[in-house]
Structure formats: structure tokens, C-alpha cells
N, C-alpha and C. Protein backbone atom coordinates (compact mmCIF):
# COMPACT_ATOMS: atom_id res chain seq x y z
N MET A 1 0.83 -1.05 0.13
CA MET A 1 0.03 0.25 0.10
C MET A 1 1.12 1.44 0.04
N SER A 2 0.38 2.00 -0.79
CA SER A 2 1.29 3.46 -0.77
C SER A 2 1.20 4.52 0.14
N THR A 3 2.31 4.93 0.56
CA THR A 3 1.91 5.80 1.98
C THR A 3 2.47 7.35 1.85
N VAL A 4 1.86 8.00 1.81
CA VAL A 4 2.61 9.46 1.50
C VAL A 4 2.59 10.40 2.42
N PRO A 5 3.00 11.09 2.80
CA PRO A 5 2.90 12.29 3.88
C PRO A 5 1.46 12.89 3.48
N ASP A 6 0.42 13.53 4.40
CA ASP A 6 -0.45 14.26 4.88
C ASP A 6 -0.39 15.53 4.78
N PRO A 7 -0.27 16.59 3.52
CA PRO A 7 0.02 17.68 3.95
C PRO A 7 -0.59 18.59 4.72
N THR A 8 -1.99 17.98 5.16
CA THR A 8 -2.75 18.80 6.02
C THR A 8 -2.33 18.49 7.60
N SER A 9 -1.56 17.61 7.95
CA SER A 9 -0.93 17.41 9.65
C SER A 9 0.15 18.29 9.23
N VAL A 10 0.38 19.15 10.44
CA VAL A 10 1.31 19.92 10.62
C VAL A 10 2.82 19.31 10.81
N ARG A 11 2.73 18.24 11.46
CA ARG A 11 3.94 17.34 12.18
C ARG A 11 4.23 16.06 11.04
N ARG A 12 5.39 15.73 10.50
CA ARG A 12 5.52 14.48 10.61
C ARG A 12 5.45 13.70 11.20
N PRO A 13 6.13 12.38 11.10
CA PRO A 13 5.82 11.28 12.18
C PRO A 13 6.94 11.19 13.23
N GLU A 14 6.65 11.17 14.35
CA GLU A 14 8.04 11.26 15.29
C GLU A 14 9.18 10.46 14.57
N MET A 15 10.48 11.72 15.39
CA MET A 15 11.51 11.54 14.88
C MET A 15 12.31 10.19 15.02
N ILE A 16 14.03 9.70 15.17
CA ILE A 16 14.16 8.24 16.15
C ILE A 16 14.74 8.83 17.39
N ASP A 17 14.58 7.61 18.59
CA ASP A 17 14.62 7.97 19.75
C ASP A 17 13.29 8.60 20.27
N GLY A 18 12.50 8.55 19.48
CA GLY A 18 10.76 9.30 20.31
C GLY A 18 10.83 10.85 20.06
N GLN A 19 11.71 11.56 19.79
CA GLN A 19 11.77 12.96 19.88
C GLN A 19 10.84 13.39 19.15
N GLU A 20 10.17 14.71 19.71
CA GLU A 20 9.22 15.35 18.61
C GLU A 20 9.78 16.13 17.51
N ALA A 21 9.01 15.74 16.20
CA ALA A 21 9.91 16.36 14.85
C ALA A 21 10.04 17.61 15.21
N SER A 22 11.46 18.31 14.40
CA SER A 22 11.57 19.61 14.39
C SER A 22 10.98 20.29 12.73
N THR A 23 10.51 19.33 11.85
CA THR A 23 9.87 19.57 10.84
C THR A 23 8.63 19.69 10.49
N VAL A 24 7.56 21.09 10.28
CA VAL A 24 6.65 20.82 10.16
C VAL A 24 6.30 21.50 8.70
N PHE A 25 4.95 21.45 8.09
CA PHE A 25 4.26 21.36 7.04
C PHE A 25 3.56 22.93 7.68
N LEU A 26 3.99 23.73 6.44
CA LEU A 26 3.42 25.00 6.86
C LEU A 26 1.94 25.11 6.40
N LYS A 27 1.51 24.71 5.57
CA LYS A 27 0.15 25.29 5.07
C LYS A 27 -0.58 25.09 5.98
N PRO A 28 -0.94 23.97 6.86
CA PRO A 28 -2.01 23.88 8.02
C PRO A 28 -1.85 24.80 9.36
N LEU A 29 -0.48 25.31 9.34
CA LEU A 29 -0.02 26.35 10.23
C LEU A 29 -0.56 27.66 10.25
N ILE A 30 -0.73 28.13 9.02
CA ILE A 30 -0.13 29.73 8.67
C ILE A 30 -2.22 30.18 9.00
N THR A 31 -2.45 30.87 9.50
CA THR A 31 -3.51 31.82 9.80
C THR A 31 -3.60 33.42 9.59
N SER A 32 -2.24 34.01 9.37
CA SER A 32 -2.64 35.61 8.66
C SER A 32 -2.81 35.22 7.50
N PRO A 33 -3.77 36.54 7.28
CA PRO A 33 -4.05 36.59 5.34
C PRO A 33 -3.12 37.32 4.84
N LYS A 34 -1.79 37.31 5.42
CA LYS A 34 -0.57 37.94 4.64
C LYS A 34 0.33 37.04 4.47
N ILE A 35 -0.03 35.54 4.70
CA ILE A 35 0.93 34.47 4.22
C ILE A 35 0.20 33.72 3.51
N GLU A 36 0.83 33.06 2.38
CA GLU A 36 0.18 32.32 1.64
C GLU A 36 0.87 31.08 1.26
N VAL A 37 0.97 29.47 1.50
CA VAL A 37 1.85 28.44 1.53
C VAL A 37 1.15 27.57 0.78
N GLY A 38 1.94 27.27 -0.05
CA GLY A 38 1.83 25.67 -0.89
C GLY A 38 1.55 24.41 -0.06
N GLU A 39 0.95 23.38 -0.66
CA GLU A 39 1.24 22.20 0.07
C GLU A 39 2.82 21.56 0.14
N PHE A 40 3.12 20.75 1.30
CA PHE A 40 4.59 19.94 1.00
C PHE A 40 5.60 20.87 1.65
N THR A 41 5.28 22.69 1.60
CA THR A 41 6.27 23.31 1.78
C THR A 41 6.80 22.93 3.65
N TYR A 42 7.86 22.78 3.73
CA TYR A 42 8.03 22.18 5.40
C TYR A 42 9.08 23.65 5.45
N TYR A 43 8.76 23.88 7.00
CA TYR A 43 10.36 24.51 7.73
C TYR A 43 10.72 23.67 9.11
N ASN A 44 11.90 23.94 9.00
CA ASN A 44 12.82 22.80 10.07
C ASN A 44 13.47 23.95 11.02
N ASP A 45 13.22 23.54 12.41
CA ASP A 45 13.74 24.33 13.78
C ASP A 45 13.22 23.82 14.72
N THR A 46 15.03 23.34 15.02
CA THR A 46 14.81 22.61 16.27
C THR A 46 14.90 23.18 17.77
N ASP A 47 14.16 24.31 18.22
CA ASP A 47 13.75 25.03 19.13
C ASP A 47 11.88 24.90 18.89
N ASP A 48 10.86 25.65 18.05
CA ASP A 48 9.55 25.55 17.85
C ASP A 48 9.22 26.14 16.30
N PRO A 49 9.15 25.05 15.33
CA PRO A 49 9.15 25.24 14.11
C PRO A 49 7.71 25.98 14.08
N THR A 50 6.87 25.56 14.94
CA THR A 50 5.44 26.03 14.72
C THR A 50 5.03 27.53 15.13
N LEU A 51 6.49 28.04 15.17
CA LEU A 51 6.11 29.49 15.62
C LEU A 51 6.67 30.49 14.18
N PHE A 52 6.78 29.81 12.92
CA PHE A 52 7.45 30.57 11.96
C PHE A 52 6.37 31.60 11.83
N GLU A 53 5.26 31.41 11.84
CA GLU A 53 4.29 32.80 11.24
C GLU A 53 4.55 34.22 12.16
N THR A 54 4.71 34.16 13.09
CA THR A 54 5.05 35.36 14.13
C THR A 54 6.60 35.60 14.25
N ARG A 55 7.71 34.29 14.21
CA ARG A 55 9.18 34.46 14.34
C ARG A 55 10.08 35.26 12.70
N ASN A 56 9.20 34.31 11.48
CA ASN A 56 9.77 34.39 10.63
C ASN A 56 9.29 35.15 9.38
N VAL A 57 8.50 35.65 9.62
CA VAL A 57 7.89 36.86 8.71
C VAL A 57 7.64 38.00 9.38
N LEU A 58 8.05 38.92 9.15
CA LEU A 58 8.64 40.24 9.91
C LEU A 58 7.59 41.69 8.93
N TYR A 59 7.18 42.59 10.04
CA TYR A 59 6.58 43.27 8.87
C TYR A 59 5.76 43.45 8.40
N THR A 60 4.56 43.07 9.02
CA THR A 60 3.33 42.41 8.06
C THR A 60 2.40 43.54 8.37
N ALA A 61 2.71 44.83 8.70
CA ALA A 61 0.87 45.82 8.79
C ALA A 61 0.78 46.08 7.34
N GLY A 62 1.90 46.04 6.47
CA GLY A 62 1.31 46.28 5.21
C GLY A 62 0.13 45.80 4.62
N PRO A 63 -0.31 46.24 3.28
CA PRO A 63 -1.15 45.14 2.57
C PRO A 63 -0.58 44.11 2.07
N GLU A 64 0.93 44.27 1.73
CA GLU A 64 1.50 42.94 0.95
C GLU A 64 1.65 41.82 1.74
N LYS A 65 1.97 40.93 1.14
CA LYS A 65 1.90 39.27 1.14
C LYS A 65 3.31 39.13 0.83
N LEU A 66 3.56 37.76 1.57
CA LEU A 66 4.50 36.83 1.69
C LEU A 66 3.61 35.62 0.88
N ILE A 67 4.08 35.01 -0.33
CA ILE A 67 3.66 33.74 -1.14
C ILE A 67 4.48 32.77 -1.18
N ILE A 68 4.35 31.75 -0.78
CA ILE A 68 5.78 30.76 -1.33
C ILE A 68 4.53 29.09 -1.83
N GLY A 69 5.56 29.13 -3.13
CA GLY A 69 4.67 27.70 -3.49
C GLY A 69 4.90 26.23 -2.65
N ARG A 70 4.95 25.01 -3.38
CA ARG A 70 4.67 23.71 -3.19
C ARG A 70 6.46 23.59 -3.12
N PHE A 71 6.01 22.37 -2.26
CA PHE A 71 7.59 21.34 -2.13
C PHE A 71 9.02 22.17 -1.95
N CYS A 72 8.69 23.46 -0.86
CA CYS A 72 9.78 24.33 -0.71
C CYS A 72 10.36 23.68 0.57
N ALA A 73 11.71 23.81 0.75
CA ALA A 73 12.11 23.65 2.34
C ALA A 73 12.77 24.72 2.72
N ILE A 74 12.42 25.42 3.58
CA ILE A 74 12.92 26.28 4.63
C ILE A 74 13.41 25.95 5.81
N ALA A 75 15.04 26.17 5.60
CA ALA A 75 15.73 25.98 7.23
C ALA A 75 15.97 26.54 8.19
N MET A 76 16.07 26.05 9.43
CA MET A 76 16.27 27.24 10.58
C MET A 76 16.59 28.34 10.59
N GLY A 77 15.68 29.28 11.25
CA GLY A 77 16.15 31.07 11.15
C GLY A 77 15.88 31.45 10.23
N ALA A 78 15.55 31.06 8.93
CA ALA A 78 15.28 31.81 7.43
C ALA A 78 13.82 32.99 7.94
N ARG A 79 14.52 34.08 7.24
CA ARG A 79 13.37 35.11 7.70
C ARG A 79 13.24 35.76 6.42
N PHE A 80 11.74 35.98 6.47
CA PHE A 80 11.00 36.89 5.19
C PHE A 80 10.60 38.53 5.77
N LEU A 81 11.21 39.76 5.00
CA LEU A 81 11.10 40.87 5.58
C LEU A 81 9.76 41.16 4.49
N LEU A 82 8.90 41.84 4.96
CA LEU A 82 7.49 42.71 4.35
C LEU A 82 7.78 43.83 3.97
N SER A 83 7.37 44.55 3.64
CA SER A 83 7.27 46.12 2.60
C SER A 83 7.41 47.05 3.85
N SER A 84 6.54 46.47 4.81
CA SER A 84 6.36 47.84 6.14
C SER A 84 7.72 47.81 6.57
N ALA A 85 8.90 47.13 6.54
CA ALA A 85 10.04 47.24 6.96
C ALA A 85 10.84 48.28 6.57
N ASN A 86 10.31 48.64 5.38
CA ASN A 86 11.23 49.98 4.75
C ASN A 86 10.64 51.54 5.29
N HIS A 87 11.54 52.30 5.33
CA HIS A 87 11.44 53.50 5.76
C HIS A 87 11.16 54.53 4.55
N PRO A 88 10.30 55.02 4.38
CA PRO A 88 9.93 55.80 3.70
C PRO A 88 10.95 57.00 3.21
N MET A 89 11.76 57.44 2.58
CA MET A 89 12.97 58.19 2.25
C MET A 89 12.54 59.69 1.08
N MET A 90 11.50 60.38 1.70
CA MET A 90 10.95 61.59 0.57
C MET A 90 11.78 62.57 0.75
N GLY A 91 12.18 62.99 1.65
CA GLY A 91 13.03 64.21 2.10
C GLY A 91 14.29 63.70 2.60
N SER A 92 14.56 64.12 3.85
CA SER A 92 16.28 64.37 4.27
C SER A 92 16.52 63.51 5.48
N THR A 93 15.55 62.57 5.78
CA THR A 93 15.69 61.51 6.71
C THR A 93 15.03 60.04 6.49
N ALA A 94 15.04 59.10 7.04
CA ALA A 94 14.52 57.95 6.85
C ALA A 94 14.06 57.77 8.21
N PHE A 95 14.11 58.70 9.17
CA PHE A 95 13.03 58.17 10.32
C PHE A 95 11.50 58.46 10.41
N PRO A 96 10.93 57.42 10.70
CA PRO A 96 9.62 57.43 10.67
C PRO A 96 8.88 58.11 11.71
N PHE A 97 8.73 59.56 11.54
CA PHE A 97 8.00 60.45 12.50
C PHE A 97 6.54 59.75 12.88
N PHE A 98 5.70 59.48 12.20
CA PHE A 98 4.55 58.98 11.73
C PHE A 98 4.00 57.87 12.83
N ILE A 99 5.01 57.10 12.82
CA ILE A 99 4.53 55.69 13.84
C ILE A 99 4.19 56.39 15.24
N PHE A 100 4.60 56.88 15.61
CA PHE A 100 4.46 58.07 16.90
C PHE A 100 3.24 58.71 17.23
N GLY A 101 2.49 58.55 16.38
CA GLY A 101 1.11 58.96 16.43
C GLY A 101 1.41 60.66 16.79
N GLY A 102 0.21 61.23 17.37
CA GLY A 102 0.12 62.88 17.64
C GLY A 102 0.30 63.95 16.63
N THR A 103 1.14 64.81 17.07
CA THR A 103 1.44 65.88 16.07
C THR A 103 2.24 65.49 14.86
N TRP A 104 3.08 64.56 15.54
CA TRP A 104 4.24 63.96 14.19
C TRP A 104 3.50 63.26 13.47
N LEU A 105 2.22 62.36 13.55
CA LEU A 105 1.48 61.84 12.72
C LEU A 105 0.37 63.31 11.83
N GLU A 106 0.02 63.73 12.57
CA GLU A 106 -1.17 64.88 11.85
C GLU A 106 0.16 65.31 11.09
N GLN A 107 1.04 65.95 11.13
CA GLN A 107 1.79 67.00 10.06
C GLN A 107 2.44 66.16 9.29
N THR A 108 2.63 64.50 9.21
CA THR A 108 3.07 63.97 8.10
C THR A 108 1.79 62.79 7.41
N ALA A 109 0.72 62.96 7.92
CA ALA A 109 -0.23 61.81 7.31
C ALA A 109 -0.46 61.97 5.71
N GLU A 110 -0.70 63.22 5.40
CA GLU A 110 -0.87 63.37 4.27
C GLU A 110 -0.08 62.67 2.70
N PHE A 111 1.13 62.59 3.42
CA PHE A 111 2.36 61.68 2.74
C PHE A 111 2.09 60.39 2.48
N LEU A 112 1.76 59.74 3.71
CA LEU A 112 1.28 58.40 3.68
C LEU A 112 1.12 57.78 2.26
N PRO A 113 -0.02 58.46 1.67
CA PRO A 113 -0.20 57.65 0.63
C PRO A 113 1.13 57.44 -0.64
N ARG A 114 2.15 58.05 -0.33
CA ARG A 114 2.79 58.51 -1.55
C ARG A 114 4.22 57.47 -1.07
N ILE A 115 4.25 56.72 0.17
CA ILE A 115 5.05 55.65 0.26
C ILE A 115 5.14 54.62 -0.72
N HIS A 116 6.15 54.42 -1.43
CA HIS A 116 6.39 53.35 -2.39
C HIS A 116 6.17 51.91 -1.53
N SER A 117 5.69 51.08 -2.19
CA SER A 117 5.63 49.60 -1.80
C SER A 117 6.24 48.93 -2.67
N ARG A 118 7.25 47.64 -2.20
CA ARG A 118 7.99 46.92 -3.02
C ARG A 118 7.45 45.58 -3.52
N GLY A 119 5.74 45.37 -2.91
CA GLY A 119 4.89 44.96 -3.66
C GLY A 119 4.85 43.46 -2.96
N ASN A 120 4.49 42.26 -2.92
CA ASN A 120 4.53 40.97 -2.64
C ASN A 120 6.02 40.58 -2.76
N THR A 121 6.27 39.65 -1.63
CA THR A 121 7.27 38.97 -1.93
C THR A 121 6.99 36.97 -2.34
N VAL A 122 7.73 36.54 -3.23
CA VAL A 122 7.07 35.42 -3.78
C VAL A 122 8.20 34.53 -3.86
N ILE A 123 8.07 33.67 -3.55
CA ILE A 123 8.83 32.32 -3.33
C ILE A 123 8.23 31.20 -4.45
N GLY A 124 8.92 31.10 -5.38
CA GLY A 124 8.31 29.70 -6.49
C GLY A 124 8.22 28.48 -5.66
N ASN A 125 8.23 27.53 -6.51
CA ASN A 125 7.95 25.98 -5.97
C ASN A 125 9.35 25.30 -5.90
N ASP A 126 9.32 24.52 -5.28
CA ASP A 126 10.69 23.19 -5.38
C ASP A 126 12.27 24.38 -4.84
N VAL A 127 11.99 25.38 -3.90
CA VAL A 127 12.90 26.40 -3.53
C VAL A 127 13.40 25.80 -2.23
N TRP A 128 14.65 25.96 -2.11
CA TRP A 128 15.39 25.77 -1.06
C TRP A 128 16.03 26.66 -0.55
N ILE A 129 15.90 26.99 0.48
CA ILE A 129 16.19 28.25 1.45
C ILE A 129 17.03 28.17 2.67
N GLY A 130 18.13 28.48 2.63
CA GLY A 130 19.17 27.72 3.57
C GLY A 130 19.15 28.72 5.00
N ARG A 131 19.70 27.91 6.13
CA ARG A 131 19.79 28.38 7.48
C ARG A 131 20.05 29.98 7.57
N ASP A 132 19.44 30.88 8.04
CA ASP A 132 19.55 31.82 8.53
C ASP A 132 19.44 33.26 7.30
N ALA A 133 19.17 32.18 6.13
CA ALA A 133 18.73 33.51 5.21
C ALA A 133 17.61 34.18 5.34
N VAL A 134 18.00 35.99 4.28
CA VAL A 134 16.99 36.78 4.72
C VAL A 134 16.77 37.12 3.12
N VAL A 135 15.58 37.33 3.51
CA VAL A 135 14.72 37.47 2.07
C VAL A 135 13.98 39.17 2.29
N MET A 136 14.48 40.03 1.17
CA MET A 136 14.26 41.43 1.49
C MET A 136 12.52 41.30 0.81
N PRO A 137 11.99 42.76 1.21
CA PRO A 137 10.71 42.52 0.74
C PRO A 137 10.74 43.31 -0.93
N GLY A 138 9.40 42.61 -1.36
CA GLY A 138 9.28 42.65 -2.55
C GLY A 138 10.11 41.58 -3.58
N VAL A 139 11.00 40.88 -3.27
CA VAL A 139 11.89 40.03 -4.08
C VAL A 139 10.68 38.91 -4.76
N THR A 140 11.28 38.36 -5.80
CA THR A 140 10.83 36.99 -6.44
C THR A 140 11.79 36.35 -6.98
N ILE A 141 11.47 35.01 -6.00
CA ILE A 141 12.78 33.96 -6.45
C ILE A 141 11.84 32.95 -6.85
N GLY A 142 12.79 32.61 -7.75
CA GLY A 142 12.02 31.43 -9.34
C GLY A 142 11.92 29.98 -8.41
N ASP A 143 11.47 29.61 -9.69
CA ASP A 143 10.87 27.93 -9.02
C ASP A 143 12.97 27.26 -9.15
N GLY A 144 12.84 25.98 -8.21
CA GLY A 144 14.07 25.33 -8.21
C GLY A 144 15.33 26.16 -7.49
N ALA A 145 14.90 27.70 -7.33
CA ALA A 145 16.58 28.36 -6.91
C ALA A 145 16.73 27.82 -5.71
N ILE A 146 18.01 27.84 -5.46
CA ILE A 146 19.06 27.26 -3.98
C ILE A 146 19.02 29.10 -3.33
N ILE A 147 18.63 29.21 -2.02
CA ILE A 147 19.30 30.30 -1.51
C ILE A 147 20.06 29.72 -0.55
N ALA A 148 21.82 30.31 -0.61
CA ALA A 148 22.79 29.74 0.27
C ALA A 148 22.37 29.96 1.76
N ALA A 149 23.04 29.45 2.80
CA ALA A 149 22.94 29.76 4.36
C ALA A 149 23.48 30.91 4.61
N GLY A 150 22.74 31.86 5.20
CA GLY A 150 23.11 33.35 5.50
C GLY A 150 23.17 34.24 4.37
N ALA A 151 22.43 34.12 2.97
CA ALA A 151 22.69 34.66 2.18
C ALA A 151 21.58 36.30 2.88
N MET A 152 21.40 37.36 2.14
CA MET A 152 21.02 38.30 1.87
C MET A 152 20.30 38.64 0.92
N VAL A 153 19.15 38.20 0.30
CA VAL A 153 18.46 38.52 -0.88
C VAL A 153 17.88 39.80 -1.24
N VAL A 154 18.31 40.77 -1.77
CA VAL A 154 17.97 41.69 -1.99
C VAL A 154 17.37 41.92 -3.39
N SER A 155 17.40 41.33 -4.40
CA SER A 155 16.86 41.36 -5.54
C SER A 155 16.61 39.81 -6.06
N ASP A 156 15.70 40.21 -7.00
CA ASP A 156 15.15 38.71 -7.64
C ASP A 156 16.02 37.66 -8.00
N VAL A 157 16.07 36.61 -7.85
CA VAL A 157 16.44 35.07 -8.17
C VAL A 157 16.05 34.32 -9.41
N ALA A 158 16.47 33.92 -10.20
CA ALA A 158 15.94 33.32 -11.54
C ALA A 158 15.99 32.05 -11.16
N PRO A 159 15.06 31.08 -11.93
CA PRO A 159 14.45 30.02 -11.72
C PRO A 159 15.73 29.31 -11.48
N TYR A 160 15.96 27.99 -10.65
CA TYR A 160 17.42 27.11 -10.83
C TYR A 160 18.49 27.94 -10.79
N THR A 161 18.36 29.03 -9.62
CA THR A 161 19.68 29.63 -9.83
C THR A 161 19.97 29.16 -8.55
N THR A 162 21.29 28.80 -8.21
CA THR A 162 21.92 29.18 -6.43
C THR A 162 22.40 30.42 -6.09
N VAL A 163 22.06 30.98 -5.37
CA VAL A 163 22.33 32.57 -4.73
C VAL A 163 23.37 32.54 -2.98
N GLY A 164 24.00 33.19 -2.96
CA GLY A 164 24.32 32.93 -1.79
C GLY A 164 25.21 34.65 -1.58
N GLY A 165 25.63 34.82 -0.44
CA GLY A 165 26.28 36.07 -0.26
C GLY A 165 25.36 37.35 0.68
N ASN A 166 26.13 38.33 0.89
CA ASN A 166 25.35 39.16 1.00
C ASN A 166 26.26 40.78 0.55
N PRO A 167 25.84 41.55 -0.21
CA PRO A 167 24.19 40.57 -0.94
C PRO A 167 24.10 39.72 -1.78
N ALA A 168 23.31 39.20 -2.05
CA ALA A 168 22.95 37.46 -2.29
C ALA A 168 23.32 37.83 -4.13
N LYS A 169 24.55 36.75 -4.55
CA LYS A 169 24.76 36.95 -6.04
C LYS A 169 24.51 35.79 -6.38
N PRO A 170 24.18 35.81 -7.79
CA PRO A 170 24.20 34.03 -8.34
C PRO A 170 25.75 33.09 -8.24
N LEU A 171 25.44 32.28 -7.91
CA LEU A 171 26.88 31.38 -7.68
C LEU A 171 26.86 30.39 -8.92
N LYS A 172 26.00 30.17 -9.38
CA LYS A 172 25.90 29.05 -10.54
C LYS A 172 24.13 28.81 -10.81
N LYS A 173 24.36 28.47 -12.11
CA LYS A 173 22.94 28.06 -12.76
C LYS A 173 22.85 26.43 -12.79
N ARG A 174 21.68 25.69 -11.90
CA ARG A 174 21.76 24.35 -11.92
C ARG A 174 21.62 23.70 -12.82
N TYR A 175 21.30 23.68 -14.23
CA TYR A 175 20.94 23.17 -15.18
C TYR A 175 21.27 24.43 -16.64
N SER A 176 21.16 23.69 -17.34
CA SER A 176 21.42 24.62 -18.81
C SER A 176 20.26 25.19 -18.82
N ASP A 177 20.11 26.43 -19.70
CA ASP A 177 18.97 27.08 -20.04
C ASP A 177 17.96 26.04 -20.71
N GLU A 178 18.71 25.36 -21.53
CA GLU A 178 17.30 24.08 -22.24
C GLU A 178 16.94 23.48 -21.20
N ASP A 179 17.38 22.77 -20.33
CA ASP A 179 16.96 21.86 -19.21
C ASP A 179 15.96 22.77 -18.27
N ILE A 180 16.39 24.08 -17.87
CA ILE A 180 15.77 24.87 -16.96
C ILE A 180 14.33 25.12 -17.67
N ASN A 181 14.58 25.32 -18.78
CA ASN A 181 12.73 25.43 -19.59
C ASN A 181 12.15 24.53 -19.56
N ARG A 182 13.03 23.05 -19.63
CA ARG A 182 12.38 22.02 -19.47
C ARG A 182 11.53 21.49 -18.55
N LEU A 183 12.23 21.97 -17.25
CA LEU A 183 11.85 21.64 -15.91
C LEU A 183 10.88 22.77 -15.73
N LEU A 184 10.69 23.37 -15.97
CA LEU A 184 9.67 24.93 -15.68
C LEU A 184 8.48 24.50 -16.72
N ARG A 185 8.43 24.06 -17.80
CA ARG A 185 7.30 23.32 -18.69
C ARG A 185 7.04 22.09 -18.17
N ILE A 186 8.05 21.28 -17.61
CA ILE A 186 7.37 20.12 -16.61
C ILE A 186 6.44 20.26 -15.61
N ALA A 187 6.89 21.04 -14.47
CA ALA A 187 5.90 21.65 -13.32
C ALA A 187 6.03 20.38 -12.61
N TRP A 188 6.49 19.72 -12.06
CA TRP A 188 6.11 18.33 -11.62
C TRP A 188 5.64 18.69 -10.35
N TRP A 189 5.75 19.73 -9.34
CA TRP A 189 5.28 20.25 -8.51
C TRP A 189 3.39 20.38 -7.96
N ASN A 190 3.20 20.62 -9.74
CA ASN A 190 1.84 21.04 -9.87
C ASN A 190 1.02 19.36 -10.21
N TRP A 191 1.78 18.33 -10.47
CA TRP A 191 1.25 17.15 -10.73
C TRP A 191 0.39 16.64 -9.62
N PRO A 192 -0.92 15.67 -9.80
CA PRO A 192 -1.33 15.22 -8.64
C PRO A 192 -0.35 14.05 -8.03
N VAL A 193 -0.85 14.35 -6.69
CA VAL A 193 -0.16 14.00 -5.41
C VAL A 193 0.59 12.10 -6.04
N ASP A 194 -0.64 11.49 -6.67
CA ASP A 194 -0.53 9.83 -6.75
C ASP A 194 0.52 9.80 -8.11
N VAL A 195 0.40 10.83 -8.78
CA VAL A 195 1.42 10.80 -10.16
C VAL A 195 2.78 11.05 -9.60
N ILE A 196 2.95 12.51 -8.53
CA ILE A 196 4.28 12.49 -8.11
C ILE A 196 5.20 11.08 -7.30
N THR A 197 4.22 10.70 -6.34
CA THR A 197 4.29 9.07 -5.87
C THR A 197 4.71 8.23 -7.00
N ASP A 198 4.64 8.15 -7.91
CA ASP A 198 4.55 7.48 -8.71
C ASP A 198 6.13 7.37 -9.45
N HIS A 199 6.29 8.38 -9.68
CA HIS A 199 7.58 8.70 -10.35
C HIS A 199 8.82 9.90 -9.30
N VAL A 200 8.28 9.25 -7.98
CA VAL A 200 9.19 10.24 -7.22
C VAL A 200 10.89 9.65 -7.44
N ARG A 201 10.57 8.49 -7.67
CA ARG A 201 12.48 8.03 -7.83
C ARG A 201 13.14 8.85 -8.86
N THR A 202 12.26 9.22 -10.33
CA THR A 202 12.85 9.87 -11.31
C THR A 202 13.03 11.59 -10.73
N ILE A 203 11.83 11.85 -10.09
CA ILE A 203 12.02 13.55 -9.98
C ILE A 203 13.25 13.79 -8.56
N TRP A 204 13.51 12.55 -8.05
CA TRP A 204 14.67 12.92 -7.03
C TRP A 204 15.71 12.08 -7.84
N THR A 205 16.21 11.50 -8.30
CA THR A 205 17.42 11.40 -9.42
C THR A 205 17.64 11.20 -10.62
N GLY A 206 16.48 11.57 -11.28
CA GLY A 206 16.54 11.47 -12.63
C GLY A 206 16.92 13.01 -13.62
N THR A 207 17.32 12.80 -14.59
CA THR A 207 17.77 13.98 -15.35
C THR A 207 16.23 14.80 -15.79
N PRO A 208 16.65 15.56 -16.00
CA PRO A 208 15.10 16.82 -16.84
C PRO A 208 14.89 16.12 -17.82
N THR A 209 15.21 15.36 -18.80
CA THR A 209 14.82 14.55 -19.57
C THR A 209 14.36 13.20 -19.54
N ASP A 210 14.87 12.66 -18.16
CA ASP A 210 14.27 11.53 -17.75
C ASP A 210 12.60 12.04 -16.96
N LEU A 211 12.73 13.23 -16.57
CA LEU A 211 11.45 13.81 -15.94
C LEU A 211 10.73 14.19 -16.82
N GLU A 212 10.87 14.74 -18.22
CA GLU A 212 10.38 14.92 -19.35
C GLU A 212 9.54 13.88 -19.46
N GLN A 213 10.31 12.61 -20.05
CA GLN A 213 9.70 11.11 -20.70
C GLN A 213 8.77 10.95 -19.42
N ALA A 214 9.10 11.00 -18.01
CA ALA A 214 8.01 10.48 -17.14
C ALA A 214 6.51 11.37 -17.30
N ALA A 215 6.30 12.71 -17.90
CA ALA A 215 5.70 13.49 -17.71
C ALA A 215 4.44 12.97 -19.15
N LYS A 216 5.60 13.07 -19.96
CA LYS A 216 4.76 12.37 -21.01
C LYS A 216 3.87 11.01 -21.01
N GLU A 217 5.06 10.05 -20.06
CA GLU A 217 4.03 8.86 -19.90
C GLU A 217 2.73 8.79 -19.28
N ALA A 218 2.78 9.54 -18.30
CA ALA A 218 1.87 10.11 -17.23
C ALA A 218 0.56 10.87 -17.75
N GLY A 219 0.93 11.35 -19.10
CA GLY A 219 0.23 12.16 -19.78
C GLY A 219 0.10 13.76 -19.70
N LEU A 220 0.98 14.10 -18.86
CA LEU A 220 0.79 15.37 -18.40
C LEU A 220 1.53 16.27 -19.31
N LEU A 221 2.32 16.01 -20.48
CA LEU A 221 2.90 16.84 -21.15
C LEU A 221 2.88 15.97 -22.74
N ASP A 222 2.74 16.90 -23.99
CA ASP A 222 2.34 16.47 -25.02
C ASP A 222 4.14 15.92 -25.84
């Protein structure tokens, strides 16, 4: 009988030696309308991974969202900053007088609609985000990208690209442009779970060409 993880269950089964699992599926944990997470995306934290929403997603006061795709792997300490983290710089200072209310707010309120938003922060599918990486507001990370541990991601990351450093820079493409286009067309993360299960060995160990053949055999690709 085939058994697969239940994406509606927060924790995976207990780990060895009876220790409580430090890896959780995020989708069933999320309550904030500012955060969207796809199925099977997980977060690992040896402290308390269930606090991801409050510890790892910061500055949610604005209308912008954090959108994360399916089958992403997020390591301990990775943080996502949303646009309200940015201080407006319309004049001579970046000091946010308005947040303290009173006369300071009264004198500056008319300018608040002019504050530029960087928009939603969007993480694609099958993205691996390393330990203590920071993703800045409005960044888009493409499908299949890898974010190195400790990286400070301040600009968009192309699909299937590995980045690292502060600020994060491309380190390498994981595949040729032809294979990247092939993988994006296949989009295995959108397959029905039973089809993913049938082809999990190929997804995990096969080449993009192997995966393309599996998609054709499953009737998912012309």
C-alpha cells in the first residue's frame, strides 16, 4: 500500500529515539491573510517550528503578502521581511515620525499614501532556502532556486539558480537554459500527488530529460 505524507497534518511522524519532529508542513499552520503557502512546503527548527508565522515573517503591517509555492524546504532561522520594514525616504531623513502618532502623525499623514511599496514577496516552487537566510521585501525567487545559508537576498533570483552572500549574488545555474526551460514546462510540483508518488524516484534522481519522459508517459505533457 502506498503511503504519502498528509499535507494537512502539521508534523511528520516522530523522529528516531522518540524525539518530537522539528519539521512541520507550513500550510496547515498559517492563519495570517498576509501569508500564503503551498502544500508540502516545510520549515525545520529545533526550537519550535510552529512559530514560523510570528518569528520568521516580519513587518506584516502593510497590505503586501508573502507567497510561497509548493514543495519548498526552509531551514531554521530563515526570515522574510515584508514591505512595511522599509522606511520612507521622501526628504532628508528616513526616520518614521508618523509611527509615534500625535502631532508628528498629523503633520505627515498626507504624505503616507506616497510611500512606495515593493509589492508582494514571492517564493516559487521547489525552492530550498538555507539556514538564517534573509529575503528582503518585494523579492521574487524563481522555481527550483537555492538560497545559500546566511544569504541576504535583496533582488530577484532566476529559476534554478543558486545564490549566496550579502548581498546575494548568483553562484551558478543548476542546469543549462534548455533544461531549465524543460523543468519549468514540466512543473512536477503541480502534478497530482499520486503521479508524483509513482515517479518520485525519477523526480529525485533523474535528469530533466528523464522527468520529461515520465511526464509524457503520465499524459501530463505533449
